[in-house]
Amino acid sequence: MLDEKTGALLAAINERCGEGYKIIEERELEERLAPRGGAERGEIRAMLSFLEAERFIEIRYAEDGLYCVRPLAEGKKYFEQERLRERNFRVRRRDEFLLSFSGALLGGFLGALFFWAVSLLWA
């Protein structure tokens, strides 16, 4: 799982590059990461190296603030897997809520029924 900045960087690369290699300026990447708190030059290089090591992207060359980058299949699948993970989390939370609610409702009904049966014995 990627942190917020690295995920935003991968999304920017996927969006900008499409299928093949594209040359991206470091300034473009800094602009894309600005809403997420920004990133410094060394930080972008470190994130790109991490993405390359994890086989999300392939870097053909990197020099003087220019990067020739291509997203790999794993990098594109990452966002699909994240959406699926988020959907599964929401479904699981809904199911947990429904089971808890049903259990509480059944427990309340059985408790009231037991109290009613005991009150018949005392009367």
PDB file of N, CA and C in Angstrom:
ATOM      1  N   MET A   1       0.845  -1.165   0.000  1.00  0.00           N
ATOM      2  CA  MET A   1       0.000   0.000   0.000  1.00  0.00           C
ATOM      3  C   MET A   1       0.896   1.236   0.000  1.00  0.00           C
ATOM      4  N   LEU A   2       0.578   2.179  -0.852  1.00  0.00           N
ATOM      5  CA  LEU A   2       1.379   3.382  -1.000  1.00  0.00           C
ATOM      6  C   LEU A   2       0.854   4.491  -0.101  1.00  0.00           C
ATOM      7  N   ASP A   3       1.760   5.380   0.307  1.00  0.00           N
ATOM      8  CA  ASP A   3       1.306   6.540   1.059  1.00  0.00           C
ATOM      9  C   ASP A   3       0.623   7.521   0.095  1.00  0.00           C
ATOM     10  N   GLU A   4       0.070   8.578   0.642  1.00  0.00           N
ATOM     11  CA  GLU A   4      -0.753   9.493  -0.149  1.00  0.00           C
ATOM     12  C   GLU A   4       0.048  10.174  -1.268  1.00  0.00           C
ATOM     13  N   LYS A   5       1.238  10.647  -0.950  1.00  0.00           N
ATOM     14  CA  LYS A   5       2.042  11.342  -1.955  1.00  0.00           C
ATOM     15  C   LYS A   5       2.509  10.403  -3.061  1.00  0.00           C
ATOM     16  N   THR A   6       2.971   9.231  -2.679  1.00  0.00           N
ATOM     17  CA  THR A   6       3.455   8.282  -3.671  1.00  0.00           C
ATOM     18  C   THR A   6       2.309   7.798  -4.553  1.00  0.00           C
ATOM     19  N   GLY A   7       1.139   7.604  -3.972  1.00  0.00           N
ATOM     20  CA  GLY A   7      -0.033   7.241  -4.760  1.00  0.00           C
ATOM     21  C   GLY A   7      -0.421   8.337  -5.737  1.00  0.00           C
ATOM     22  N   ALA A   8      -0.334   9.593  -5.289  1.00  0.00           N
ATOM     23  CA  ALA A   8      -0.639  10.718  -6.177  1.00  0.00           C
ATOM     24  C   ALA A   8       0.379  10.807  -7.299  1.00  0.00           C
ATOM     25  N   LEU A   9       1.639  10.518  -6.998  1.00  0.00           N
ATOM     26  CA  LEU A   9       2.674  10.529  -8.026  1.00  0.00           C
ATOM     27  C   LEU A   9       2.419   9.425  -9.049  1.00  0.00           C
ATOM     28  N   LEU A  10       2.074   8.248  -8.592  1.00  0.00           N
ATOM     29  CA  LEU A  10       1.764   7.148  -9.506  1.00  0.00           C
ATOM     30  C   LEU A  10       0.542   7.470 -10.353  1.00  0.00           C
ATOM     31  N   ALA A  11      -0.462   8.085  -9.762  1.00  0.00           N
ATOM     32  CA  ALA A  11      -1.654   8.474 -10.524  1.00  0.00           C
ATOM     33  C   ALA A  11      -1.297   9.497 -11.593  1.00  0.00           C
ATOM     34  N   ALA A  12      -0.436  10.452 -11.255  1.00  0.00           N
ATOM     35  CA  ALA A  12      -0.015  11.464 -12.230  1.00  0.00           C
ATOM     36  C   ALA A  12       0.747  10.821 -13.383  1.00  0.00           C
ATOM     37  N   ILE A  13       1.594   9.858 -13.080  1.00  0.00           N
ATOM     38  CA  ILE A  13       2.353   9.175 -14.129  1.00  0.00           C
ATOM     39  C   ILE A  13       1.424   8.349 -15.001  1.00  0.00           C
ATOM     40  N   ASN A  14       0.494   7.621 -14.392  1.00  0.00           N
ATOM     41  CA  ASN A  14      -0.455   6.820 -15.177  1.00  0.00           C
ATOM     42  C   ASN A  14      -1.291   7.702 -16.097  1.00  0.00           C
ATOM     43  N   GLU A  15      -1.736   8.838 -15.569  1.00  0.00           N
ATOM     44  CA  GLU A  15      -2.575   9.739 -16.348  1.00  0.00           C
ATOM     45  C   GLU A  15      -1.800  10.389 -17.484  1.00  0.00           C
ATOM     46  N   ARG A  16      -0.588  10.803 -17.206  1.00  0.00           N
ATOM     47  CA  ARG A  16       0.213  11.535 -18.188  1.00  0.00           C
ATOM     48  C   ARG A  16       0.792  10.623 -19.257  1.00  0.00           C
ATOM     49  N   CYS A  17       1.201   9.425 -18.893  1.00  0.00           N
ATOM     50  CA  CYS A  17       1.939   8.565 -19.821  1.00  0.00           C
ATOM     51  C   CYS A  17       1.055   7.659 -20.662  1.00  0.00           C
ATOM     52  N   GLY A  18      -0.062   7.218 -20.153  1.00  0.00           N
ATOM     53  CA  GLY A  18      -0.869   6.278 -20.923  1.00  0.00           C
ATOM     54  C   GLY A  18      -0.194   4.928 -20.996  1.00  0.00           C
ATOM     55  N   GLU A  19       0.175   4.497 -22.204  1.00  0.00           N
ATOM     56  CA  GLU A  19       0.759   3.169 -22.392  1.00  0.00           C
ATOM     57  C   GLU A  19       2.269   3.176 -22.570  1.00  0.00           C
ATOM     58  N   GLY A  20       2.817   4.224 -23.172  1.00  0.00           N
ATOM     59  CA  GLY A  20       4.232   4.202 -23.510  1.00  0.00           C
ATOM     60  C   GLY A  20       5.060   5.136 -22.661  1.00  0.00           C
ATOM     61  N   TYR A  21       6.309   5.282 -23.084  1.00  0.00           N
ATOM     62  CA  TYR A  21       7.225   6.182 -22.403  1.00  0.00           C
ATOM     63  C   TYR A  21       6.851   7.632 -22.702  1.00  0.00           C
ATOM     64  N   LYS A  22       6.969   8.468 -21.708  1.00  0.00           N
ATOM     65  CA  LYS A  22       6.761   9.910 -21.847  1.00  0.00           C
ATOM     66  C   LYS A  22       7.824  10.622 -21.037  1.00  0.00           C
ATOM     67  N   ILE A  23       8.203  11.786 -21.507  1.00  0.00           N
ATOM     68  CA  ILE A  23       9.144  12.614 -20.767  1.00  0.00           C
ATOM     69  C   ILE A  23       8.343  13.558 -19.888  1.00  0.00           C
ATOM     70  N   ILE A  24       8.630  13.513 -18.604  1.00  0.00           N
ATOM     71  CA  ILE A  24       7.919  14.331 -17.622  1.00  0.00           C
ATOM     72  C   ILE A  24       8.943  15.199 -16.913  1.00  0.00           C
ATOM     73  N   GLU A  25       8.624  16.467 -16.786  1.00  0.00           N
ATOM     74  CA  GLU A  25       9.493  17.377 -16.042  1.00  0.00           C
ATOM     75  C   GLU A  25       9.172  17.261 -14.554  1.00  0.00           C
ATOM     76  N   GLU A  26      10.197  17.451 -13.766  1.00  0.00           N
ATOM     77  CA  GLU A  26      10.027  17.376 -12.315  1.00  0.00           C
ATOM     78  C   GLU A  26       9.070  18.465 -11.824  1.00  0.00           C
ATOM     79  N   ARG A  27       9.076  19.595 -12.512  1.00  0.00           N
ATOM     80  CA  ARG A  27       8.178  20.703 -12.164  1.00  0.00           C
ATOM     81  C   ARG A  27       6.716  20.262 -12.280  1.00  0.00           C
ATOM     82  N   GLU A  28       6.388  19.483 -13.321  1.00  0.00           N
ATOM     83  CA  GLU A  28       5.018  18.969 -13.479  1.00  0.00           C
ATOM     84  C   GLU A  28       4.623  18.096 -12.293  1.00  0.00           C
ATOM     85  N   LEU A  29       5.540  17.238 -11.894  1.00  0.00           N
ATOM     86  CA  LEU A  29       5.253  16.342 -10.772  1.00  0.00           C
ATOM     87  C   LEU A  29       5.100  17.126  -9.476  1.00  0.00           C
ATOM     88  N   GLU A  30       5.913  18.157  -9.291  1.00  0.00           N
ATOM     89  CA  GLU A  30       5.784  18.999  -8.102  1.00  0.00           C
ATOM     90  C   GLU A  30       4.427  19.693  -8.073  1.00  0.00           C
ATOM     91  N   GLU A  31       3.958  20.142  -9.239  1.00  0.00           N
ATOM     92  CA  GLU A  31       2.647  20.797  -9.310  1.00  0.00           C
ATOM     93  C   GLU A  31       1.529  19.824  -8.965  1.00  0.00           C
ATOM     94  N   ARG A  32       1.654  18.572  -9.414  1.00  0.00           N
ATOM     95  CA  ARG A  32       0.622  17.572  -9.134  1.00  0.00           C
ATOM     96  C   ARG A  32       0.585  17.205  -7.663  1.00  0.00           C
ATOM     97  N   LEU A  33       1.751  17.291  -6.997  1.00  0.00           N
ATOM     98  CA  LEU A  33       1.810  16.922  -5.582  1.00  0.00           C
ATOM     99  C   LEU A  33       1.560  18.106  -4.653  1.00  0.00           C
ATOM    100  N   ALA A  34       1.470  19.305  -5.200  1.00  0.00           N
ATOM    101  CA  ALA A  34       1.269  20.505  -4.369  1.00  0.00           C
ATOM    102  C   ALA A  34       0.009  20.423  -3.504  1.00  0.00           C
ATOM    103  N   PRO A  35      -1.135  19.970  -4.011  1.00  0.00           N
ATOM    104  CA  PRO A  35      -2.321  19.874  -3.147  1.00  0.00           C
ATOM    105  C   PRO A  35      -2.159  18.868  -2.000  1.00  0.00           C
ATOM    106  N   ARG A  36      -1.245  17.950  -2.120  1.00  0.00           N
ATOM    107  CA  ARG A  36      -1.037  16.929  -1.096  1.00  0.00           C
ATOM    108  C   ARG A  36       0.100  17.296  -0.143  1.00  0.00           C
ATOM    109  N   GLY A  37       0.495  18.537  -0.145  1.00  0.00           N
ATOM    110  CA  GLY A  37       1.546  18.966   0.766  1.00  0.00           C
ATOM    111  C   GLY A  37       2.866  19.234   0.070  1.00  0.00           C
ATOM    112  N   GLY A  38       2.920  19.007  -1.235  1.00  0.00           N
ATOM    113  CA  GLY A  38       4.126  19.291  -1.991  1.00  0.00           C
ATOM    114  C   GLY A  38       5.205  18.258  -1.770  1.00  0.00           C
ATOM    115  N   ALA A  39       6.256  18.386  -2.569  1.00  0.00           N
ATOM    116  CA  ALA A  39       7.384  17.473  -2.458  1.00  0.00           C
ATOM    117  C   ALA A  39       8.630  18.188  -2.954  1.00  0.00           C
ATOM    118  N   GLU A  40       9.732  17.870  -2.353  1.00  0.00           N
ATOM    119  CA  GLU A  40      11.003  18.455  -2.753  1.00  0.00           C
ATOM    120  C   GLU A  40      11.641  17.582  -3.818  1.00  0.00           C
ATOM    121  N   ARG A  41      12.692  18.120  -4.425  1.00  0.00           N
ATOM    122  CA  ARG A  41      13.361  17.422  -5.526  1.00  0.00           C
ATOM    123  C   ARG A  41      13.857  16.034  -5.101  1.00  0.00           C
ATOM    124  N   GLY A  42      14.535  15.955  -3.980  1.00  0.00           N
ATOM    125  CA  GLY A  42      15.042  14.670  -3.516  1.00  0.00           C
ATOM    126  C   GLY A  42      13.934  13.702  -3.150  1.00  0.00           C
ATOM    127  N   GLU A  43      12.836  14.241  -2.653  1.00  0.00           N
ATOM    128  CA  GLU A  43      11.706  13.392  -2.271  1.00  0.00           C
ATOM    129  C   GLU A  43      11.057  12.764  -3.506  1.00  0.00           C
ATOM    130  N   ILE A  44      10.939  13.533  -4.577  1.00  0.00           N
ATOM    131  CA  ILE A  44      10.361  12.990  -5.816  1.00  0.00           C
ATOM    132  C   ILE A  44      11.258  11.902  -6.367  1.00  0.00           C
ATOM    133  N   ARG A  45      12.556  12.124  -6.357  1.00  0.00           N
ATOM    134  CA  ARG A  45      13.484  11.090  -6.829  1.00  0.00           C
ATOM    135  C   ARG A  45      13.353   9.811  -5.997  1.00  0.00           C
ATOM    136  N   ALA A  46      13.226   9.968  -4.692  1.00  0.00           N
ATOM    137  CA  ALA A  46      13.101   8.804  -3.810  1.00  0.00           C
ATOM    138  C   ALA A  46      11.797   8.053  -4.096  1.00  0.00           C
ATOM    139  N   MET A  47      10.706   8.804  -4.292  1.00  0.00           N
ATOM    140  CA  MET A  47       9.425   8.151  -4.591  1.00  0.00           C
ATOM    141  C   MET A  47       9.484   7.433  -5.934  1.00  0.00           C
ATOM    142  N   LEU A  48      10.116   8.050  -6.935  1.00  0.00           N
ATOM    143  CA  LEU A  48      10.245   7.394  -8.236  1.00  0.00           C
ATOM    144  C   LEU A  48      11.095   6.133  -8.131  1.00  0.00           C
ATOM    145  N   SER A  49      12.152   6.187  -7.361  1.00  0.00           N
ATOM    146  CA  SER A  49      12.992   4.995  -7.158  1.00  0.00           C
ATOM    147  C   SER A  49      12.209   3.885  -6.466  1.00  0.00           C
ATOM    148  N   PHE A  50      11.394   4.266  -5.474  1.00  0.00           N
ATOM    149  CA  PHE A  50      10.570   3.282  -4.780  1.00  0.00           C
ATOM    150  C   PHE A  50       9.566   2.646  -5.747  1.00  0.00           C
ATOM    151  N   LEU A  51       8.905   3.472  -6.566  1.00  0.00           N
ATOM    152  CA  LEU A  51       7.932   2.943  -7.522  1.00  0.00           C
ATOM    153  C   LEU A  51       8.599   2.027  -8.538  1.00  0.00           C
ATOM    154  N   GLU A  52       9.814   2.367  -8.937  1.00  0.00           N
ATOM    155  CA  GLU A  52      10.540   1.513  -9.880  1.00  0.00           C
ATOM    156  C   GLU A  52      10.937   0.199  -9.212  1.00  0.00           C
ATOM    157  N   ALA A  53      11.385   0.267  -7.965  1.00  0.00           N
ATOM    158  CA  ALA A  53      11.785  -0.943  -7.244  1.00  0.00           C
ATOM    159  C   ALA A  53      10.595  -1.879  -7.022  1.00  0.00           C
ATOM    160  N   GLU A  54       9.419  -1.311  -6.821  1.00  0.00           N
ATOM    161  CA  GLU A  54       8.214  -2.115  -6.613  1.00  0.00           C
ATOM    162  C   GLU A  54       7.558  -2.543  -7.926  1.00  0.00           C
ATOM    163  N   ARG A  55       8.172  -2.196  -9.046  1.00  0.00           N
ATOM    164  CA  ARG A  55       7.712  -2.571 -10.397  1.00  0.00           C
ATOM    165  C   ARG A  55       6.365  -1.941 -10.762  1.00  0.00           C
ATOM    166  N   PHE A  56       6.136  -0.715 -10.283  1.00  0.00           N
ATOM    167  CA  PHE A  56       4.958   0.041 -10.683  1.00  0.00           C
ATOM    168  C   PHE A  56       5.246   0.857 -11.932  1.00  0.00           C
ATOM    169  N   ILE A  57       6.491   1.323 -12.070  1.00  0.00           N
ATOM    170  CA  ILE A  57       6.895   2.116 -13.229  1.00  0.00           C
ATOM    171  C   ILE A  57       8.259   1.641 -13.708  1.00  0.00           C
ATOM    172  N   GLU A  58       8.620   2.092 -14.911  1.00  0.00           N
ATOM    173  CA  GLU A  58       9.950   1.850 -15.445  1.00  0.00           C
ATOM    174  C   GLU A  58      10.531   3.194 -15.843  1.00  0.00           C
ATOM    175  N   ILE A  59      11.729   3.464 -15.389  1.00  0.00           N
ATOM    176  CA  ILE A  59      12.393   4.720 -15.711  1.00  0.00           C
ATOM    177  C   ILE A  59      13.506   4.425 -16.704  1.00  0.00           C
ATOM    178  N   ARG A  60      13.397   5.036 -17.879  1.00  0.00           N
ATOM    179  CA  ARG A  60      14.432   4.837 -18.892  1.00  0.00           C
ATOM    180  C   ARG A  60      15.638   5.704 -18.578  1.00  0.00           C
ATOM    181  N   TYR A  61      15.399   6.972 -18.278  1.00  0.00           N
ATOM    182  CA  TYR A  61      16.482   7.844 -17.824  1.00  0.00           C
ATOM    183  C   TYR A  61      15.925   8.954 -16.946  1.00  0.00           C
ATOM    184  N   ALA A  62      16.825   9.504 -16.141  1.00  0.00           N
ATOM    185  CA  ALA A  62      16.471  10.599 -15.246  1.00  0.00           C
ATOM    186  C   ALA A  62      17.687  11.506 -15.142  1.00  0.00           C
ATOM    187  N   GLU A  63      17.533  12.732 -15.624  1.00  0.00           N
ATOM    188  CA  GLU A  63      18.649  13.675 -15.538  1.00  0.00           C
ATOM    189  C   GLU A  63      18.135  15.106 -15.550  1.00  0.00           C
ATOM    190  N   ASP A  64      18.725  15.929 -14.725  1.00  0.00           N
ATOM    191  CA  ASP A  64      18.430  17.365 -14.662  1.00  0.00           C
ATOM    192  C   ASP A  64      16.945  17.689 -14.605  1.00  0.00           C
ATOM    193  N   GLY A  65      16.197  16.972 -13.801  1.00  0.00           N
ATOM    194  CA  GLY A  65      14.780  17.272 -13.625  1.00  0.00           C
ATOM    195  C   GLY A  65      13.884  16.748 -14.727  1.00  0.00           C
ATOM    196  N   LEU A  66      14.402  15.935 -15.628  1.00  0.00           N
ATOM    197  CA  LEU A  66      13.593  15.294 -16.673  1.00  0.00           C
ATOM    198  C   LEU A  66      13.617  13.791 -16.452  1.00  0.00           C
ATOM    199  N   TYR A  67      12.462  13.194 -16.574  1.00  0.00           N
ATOM    200  CA  TYR A  67      12.341  11.753 -16.391  1.00  0.00           C
ATOM    201  C   TYR A  67      11.619  11.154 -17.584  1.00  0.00           C
ATOM    202  N   CYS A  68      12.161  10.078 -18.103  1.00  0.00           N
ATOM    203  CA  CYS A  68      11.476   9.308 -19.146  1.00  0.00           C
ATOM    204  C   CYS A  68      10.882   8.094 -18.439  1.00  0.00           C
ATOM    205  N   VAL A  69       9.556   8.087 -18.330  1.00  0.00           N
ATOM    206  CA  VAL A  69       8.877   7.123 -17.462  1.00  0.00           C
ATOM    207  C   VAL A  69       7.794   6.397 -18.242  1.00  0.00           C
ATOM    208  N   ARG A  70       7.584   5.149 -17.865  1.00  0.00           N
ATOM    209  CA  ARG A  70       6.492   4.356 -18.427  1.00  0.00           C
ATOM    210  C   ARG A  70       5.825   3.587 -17.292  1.00  0.00           C
ATOM    211  N   PRO A  71       4.493   3.698 -17.175  1.00  0.00           N
ATOM    212  CA  PRO A  71       3.810   2.907 -16.136  1.00  0.00           C
ATOM    213  C   PRO A  71       3.733   1.441 -16.570  1.00  0.00           C
ATOM    214  N   LEU A  72       3.931   0.555 -15.628  1.00  0.00           N
ATOM    215  CA  LEU A  72       3.833  -0.884 -15.896  1.00  0.00           C
ATOM    216  C   LEU A  72       2.444  -1.383 -15.504  1.00  0.00           C
ATOM    217  N   ALA A  73       2.155  -2.599 -15.861  1.00  0.00           N
ATOM    218  CA  ALA A  73       0.829  -3.177 -15.592  1.00  0.00           C
ATOM    219  C   ALA A  73       0.520  -3.188 -14.097  1.00  0.00           C
ATOM    220  N   GLU A  74       1.529  -3.449 -13.289  1.00  0.00           N
ATOM    221  CA  GLU A  74       1.335  -3.484 -11.832  1.00  0.00           C
ATOM    222  C   GLU A  74       0.910  -2.118 -11.307  1.00  0.00           C
ATOM    223  N   GLY A  75       1.456  -1.069 -11.890  1.00  0.00           N
ATOM    224  CA  GLY A  75       1.105   0.289 -11.486  1.00  0.00           C
ATOM    225  C   GLY A  75      -0.323   0.648 -11.839  1.00  0.00           C
ATOM    226  N   LYS A  76      -0.796   0.115 -12.938  1.00  0.00           N
ATOM    227  CA  LYS A  76      -2.182   0.378 -13.334  1.00  0.00           C
ATOM    228  C   LYS A  76      -3.158  -0.460 -12.507  1.00  0.00           C
ATOM    229  N   LYS A  77      -2.756  -1.684 -12.171  1.00  0.00           N
ATOM    230  CA  LYS A  77      -3.618  -2.542 -11.364  1.00  0.00           C
ATOM    231  C   LYS A  77      -3.753  -2.059  -9.935  1.00  0.00           C
ATOM    232  N   TYR A  78      -2.772  -1.299  -9.471  1.00  0.00           N
ATOM    233  CA  TYR A  78      -2.777  -0.841  -8.082  1.00  0.00           C
ATOM    234  C   TYR A  78      -4.058  -0.092  -7.754  1.00  0.00           C
ATOM    235  N   PHE A  79      -4.483   0.815  -8.618  1.00  0.00           N
ATOM    236  CA  PHE A  79      -5.673   1.620  -8.338  1.00  0.00           C
ATOM    237  C   PHE A  79      -6.947   0.789  -8.426  1.00  0.00           C
ATOM    238  N   GLU A  80      -6.973  -0.189  -9.323  1.00  0.00           N
ATOM    239  CA  GLU A  80      -8.127  -1.086  -9.382  1.00  0.00           C
ATOM    240  C   GLU A  80      -8.226  -1.894  -8.094  1.00  0.00           C
ATOM    241  N   GLN A  81      -7.093  -2.373  -7.600  1.00  0.00           N
ATOM    242  CA  GLN A  81      -7.081  -3.140  -6.353  1.00  0.00           C
ATOM    243  C   GLN A  81      -7.476  -2.268  -5.162  1.00  0.00           C
ATOM    244  N   GLU A  82      -7.047  -1.012  -5.164  1.00  0.00           N
ATOM    245  CA  GLU A  82      -7.428  -0.099  -4.085  1.00  0.00           C
ATOM    246  C   GLU A  82      -8.937   0.149  -4.082  1.00  0.00           C
ATOM    247  N   ARG A  83      -9.526   0.340  -5.272  1.00  0.00           N
ATOM    248  CA  ARG A  83     -10.975   0.535  -5.350  1.00  0.00           C
ATOM    249  C   ARG A  83     -11.705  -0.710  -4.862  1.00  0.00           C
ATOM    250  N   LEU A  84     -11.223  -1.877  -5.243  1.00  0.00           N
ATOM    251  CA  LEU A  84     -11.835  -3.126  -4.804  1.00  0.00           C
ATOM    252  C   LEU A  84     -11.692  -3.304  -3.296  1.00  0.00           C
ATOM    253  N   ARG A  85     -10.533  -2.972  -2.749  1.00  0.00           N
ATOM    254  CA  ARG A  85     -10.305  -3.074  -1.308  1.00  0.00           C
ATOM    255  C   ARG A  85     -11.244  -2.127  -0.552  1.00  0.00           C
ATOM    256  N   GLU A  86     -11.409  -0.909  -1.073  1.00  0.00           N
ATOM    257  CA  GLU A  86     -12.305   0.067  -0.435  1.00  0.00           C
ATOM    258  C   GLU A  86     -13.755  -0.418  -0.494  1.00  0.00           C
ATOM    259  N   ARG A  87     -14.163  -0.983  -1.627  1.00  0.00           N
ATOM    260  CA  ARG A  87     -15.524  -1.501  -1.774  1.00  0.00           C
ATOM    261  C   ARG A  87     -15.761  -2.655  -0.804  1.00  0.00           C
ATOM    262  N   ASN A  88     -14.803  -3.565  -0.710  1.00  0.00           N
ATOM    263  CA  ASN A  88     -14.931  -4.694   0.210  1.00  0.00           C
ATOM    264  C   ASN A  88     -14.996  -4.227   1.657  1.00  0.00           C
ATOM    265  N   PHE A  89     -14.235  -3.190   1.999  1.00  0.00           N
ATOM    266  CA  PHE A  89     -14.265  -2.643   3.351  1.00  0.00           C
ATOM    267  C   PHE A  89     -15.653  -2.098   3.667  1.00  0.00           C
ATOM    268  N   ARG A  90     -16.243  -1.363   2.727  1.00  0.00           N
ATOM    269  CA  ARG A  90     -17.575  -0.797   2.948  1.00  0.00           C
ATOM    270  C   ARG A  90     -18.635  -1.887   3.075  1.00  0.00           C
ATOM    271  N   VAL A  91     -18.545  -2.905   2.248  1.00  0.00           N
ATOM    272  CA  VAL A  91     -19.506  -4.013   2.318  1.00  0.00           C
ATOM    273  C   VAL A  91     -19.376  -4.737   3.654  1.00  0.00           C
ATOM    274  N   ARG A  92     -18.138  -4.958   4.088  1.00  0.00           N
ATOM    275  CA  ARG A  92     -17.915  -5.639   5.359  1.00  0.00           C
ATOM    276  C   ARG A  92     -18.468  -4.817   6.527  1.00  0.00           C
ATOM    277  N   ARG A  93     -18.237  -3.502   6.495  1.00  0.00           N
ATOM    278  CA  ARG A  93     -18.763  -2.634   7.558  1.00  0.00           C
ATOM    279  C   ARG A  93     -20.287  -2.656   7.576  1.00  0.00           C
ATOM    280  N   ARG A  94     -20.916  -2.643   6.401  1.00  0.00           N
ATOM    281  CA  ARG A  94     -22.377  -2.696   6.322  1.00  0.00           C
ATOM    282  C   ARG A  94     -22.880  -4.011   6.897  1.00  0.00           C
ATOM    283  N   ASP A  95     -22.239  -5.107   6.528  1.00  0.00           N
ATOM    284  CA  ASP A  95     -22.649  -6.415   7.035  1.00  0.00           C
ATOM    285  C   ASP A  95     -22.479  -6.507   8.556  1.00  0.00           C
ATOM    286  N   GLU A  96     -21.376  -5.960   9.065  1.00  0.00           N
ATOM    287  CA  GLU A  96     -21.166  -5.958  10.513  1.00  0.00           C
ATOM    288  C   GLU A  96     -22.262  -5.162  11.210  1.00  0.00           C
ATOM    289  N   PHE A  97     -22.635  -4.027  10.643  1.00  0.00           N
ATOM    290  CA  PHE A  97     -23.689  -3.214  11.237  1.00  0.00           C
ATOM    291  C   PHE A  97     -25.013  -3.974  11.247  1.00  0.00           C
ATOM    292  N   LEU A  98     -25.354  -4.594  10.116  1.00  0.00           N
ATOM    293  CA  LEU A  98     -26.618  -5.328  10.037  1.00  0.00           C
ATOM    294  C   LEU A  98     -26.661  -6.494  11.019  1.00  0.00           C
ATOM    295  N   LEU A  99     -25.553  -7.218  11.146  1.00  0.00           N
ATOM    296  CA  LEU A  99     -25.513  -8.326  12.098  1.00  0.00           C
ATOM    297  C   LEU A  99     -25.617  -7.818  13.538  1.00  0.00           C
ATOM    298  N   SER A 100     -24.932  -6.749  13.850  1.00  0.00           N
ATOM    299  CA  SER A 100     -25.004  -6.190  15.207  1.00  0.00           C
ATOM    300  C   SER A 100     -26.409  -5.701  15.516  1.00  0.00           C
ATOM    301  N   PHE A 101     -27.007  -5.019  14.566  1.00  0.00           N
ATOM    302  CA  PHE A 101     -28.366  -4.506  14.763  1.00  0.00           C
ATOM    303  C   PHE A 101     -29.352  -5.654  14.946  1.00  0.00           C
ATOM    304  N   SER A 102     -29.217  -6.690  14.106  1.00  0.00           N
ATOM    305  CA  SER A 102     -30.117  -7.846  14.208  1.00  0.00           C
ATOM    306  C   SER A 102     -29.938  -8.561  15.547  1.00  0.00           C
ATOM    307  N   GLY A 103     -28.686  -8.704  15.977  1.00  0.00           N
ATOM    308  CA  GLY A 103     -28.427  -9.349  17.266  1.00  0.00           C
ATOM    309  C   GLY A 103     -29.003  -8.557  18.424  1.00  0.00           C
ATOM    310  N   ALA A 104     -28.865  -7.240  18.377  1.00  0.00           N
ATOM    311  CA  ALA A 104     -29.417  -6.396  19.438  1.00  0.00           C
ATOM    312  C   ALA A 104     -30.940  -6.469  19.448  1.00  0.00           C
ATOM    313  N   LEU A 105     -31.540  -6.460  18.273  1.00  0.00           N
ATOM    314  CA  LEU A 105     -32.998  -6.543  18.170  1.00  0.00           C
ATOM    315  C   LEU A 105     -33.501  -7.891  18.698  1.00  0.00           C
ATOM    316  N   LEU A 106     -32.843  -8.962  18.308  1.00  0.00           N
ATOM    317  CA  LEU A 106     -33.234 -10.288  18.770  1.00  0.00           C
ATOM    318  C   LEU A 106     -33.021 -10.422  20.281  1.00  0.00           C
ATOM    319  N   GLY A 107     -31.910  -9.904  20.782  1.00  0.00           N
ATOM    320  CA  GLY A 107     -31.641  -9.958  22.219  1.00  0.00           C
ATOM    321  C   GLY A 107     -32.683  -9.183  23.010  1.00  0.00           C
ATOM    322  N   GLY A 108     -33.064  -8.010  22.517  1.00  0.00           N
ATOM    323  CA  GLY A 108     -34.099  -7.228  23.191  1.00  0.00           C
ATOM    324  C   GLY A 108     -35.432  -7.939  23.195  1.00  0.00           C
ATOM    325  N   PHE A 109     -35.772  -8.545  22.060  1.00  0.00           N
ATOM    326  CA  PHE A 109     -37.044  -9.283  21.968  1.00  0.00           C
ATOM    327  C   PHE A 109     -37.045 -10.479  22.911  1.00  0.00           C
ATOM    328  N   LEU A 110     -35.949 -11.254  22.919  1.00  0.00           N
ATOM    329  CA  LEU A 110     -35.885 -12.429  23.792  1.00  0.00           C
ATOM    330  C   LEU A 110     -35.864 -12.021  25.265  1.00  0.00           C
ATOM    331  N   GLY A 111     -35.209 -10.929  25.586  1.00  0.00           N
ATOM    332  CA  GLY A 111     -35.199 -10.444  26.967  1.00  0.00           C
ATOM    333  C   GLY A 111     -36.597 -10.037  27.413  1.00  0.00           C
ATOM    334  N   ALA A 112     -37.318  -9.333  26.542  1.00  0.00           N
ATOM    335  CA  ALA A 112     -38.693  -8.928  26.878  1.00  0.00           C
ATOM    336  C   ALA A 112     -39.590 -10.155  27.007  1.00  0.00           C
ATOM    337  N   LEU A 113     -39.409 -11.136  26.137  1.00  0.00           N
ATOM    338  CA  LEU A 113     -40.194 -12.367  26.193  1.00  0.00           C
ATOM    339  C   LEU A 113     -39.912 -13.121  27.492  1.00  0.00           C
ATOM    340  N   PHE A 114     -38.652 -13.204  27.894  1.00  0.00           N
ATOM    341  CA  PHE A 114     -38.277 -13.868  29.136  1.00  0.00           C
ATOM    342  C   PHE A 114     -38.876 -13.129  30.337  1.00  0.00           C
ATOM    343  N   PHE A 115     -38.796 -11.816  30.339  1.00  0.00           N
ATOM    344  CA  PHE A 115     -39.358 -11.024  31.430  1.00  0.00           C
ATOM    345  C   PHE A 115     -40.867 -11.239  31.510  1.00  0.00           C
ATOM    346  N   TRP A 116     -41.534 -11.272  30.367  1.00  0.00           N
ATOM    347  CA  TRP A 116     -42.985 -11.498  30.331  1.00  0.00           C
ATOM    348  C   TRP A 116     -43.311 -12.882  30.903  1.00  0.00           C
ATOM    349  N   ALA A 117     -42.512 -13.916  30.506  1.00  0.00           N
ATOM    350  CA  ALA A 117     -42.776 -15.278  30.991  1.00  0.00           C
ATOM    351  C   ALA A 117     -42.547 -15.371  32.500  1.00  0.00           C
ATOM    352  N   VAL A 118     -41.515 -14.717  33.010  1.00  0.00           N
ATOM    353  CA  VAL A 118     -41.238 -14.733  34.457  1.00  0.00           C
ATOM    354  C   VAL A 118     -42.341 -13.983  35.189  1.00  0.00           C
ATOM    355  N   SER A 119     -42.834 -12.883  34.626  1.00  0.00           N
ATOM    356  CA  SER A 119     -43.881 -12.112  35.303  1.00  0.00           C
ATOM    357  C   SER A 119     -45.190 -12.912  35.384  1.00  0.00           C
ATOM    358  N   LEU A 120     -45.423 -13.837  34.469  1.00  0.00           N
ATOM    359  CA  LEU A 120     -46.612 -14.696  34.532  1.00  0.00           C
ATOM    360  C   LEU A 120     -46.505 -15.660  35.702  1.00  0.00           C
ATOM    361  N   LEU A 121     -45.273 -16.118  35.999  1.00  0.00           N
ATOM    362  CA  LEU A 121     -45.076 -17.045  37.095  1.00  0.00           C
ATOM    363  C   LEU A 121     -45.316 -16.391  38.449  1.00  0.00           C
ATOM    364  N   TRP A 122     -45.015 -15.127  38.611  1.00  0.00           N
ATOM    365  CA  TRP A 122     -45.133 -14.420  39.870  1.00  0.00           C
ATOM    366  C   TRP A 122     -46.549 -13.896  40.094  1.00  0.00           C
ATOM    367  N   ALA A 123     -47.338 -13.856  39.064  1.00  0.00           N
ATOM    368  CA  ALA A 123     -48.679 -13.285  39.247  1.00  0.00           C
ATOM    369  C   ALA A 123     -49.692 -14.291  39.692  1.00  0.00           C
TER     370      ALA A 123
END
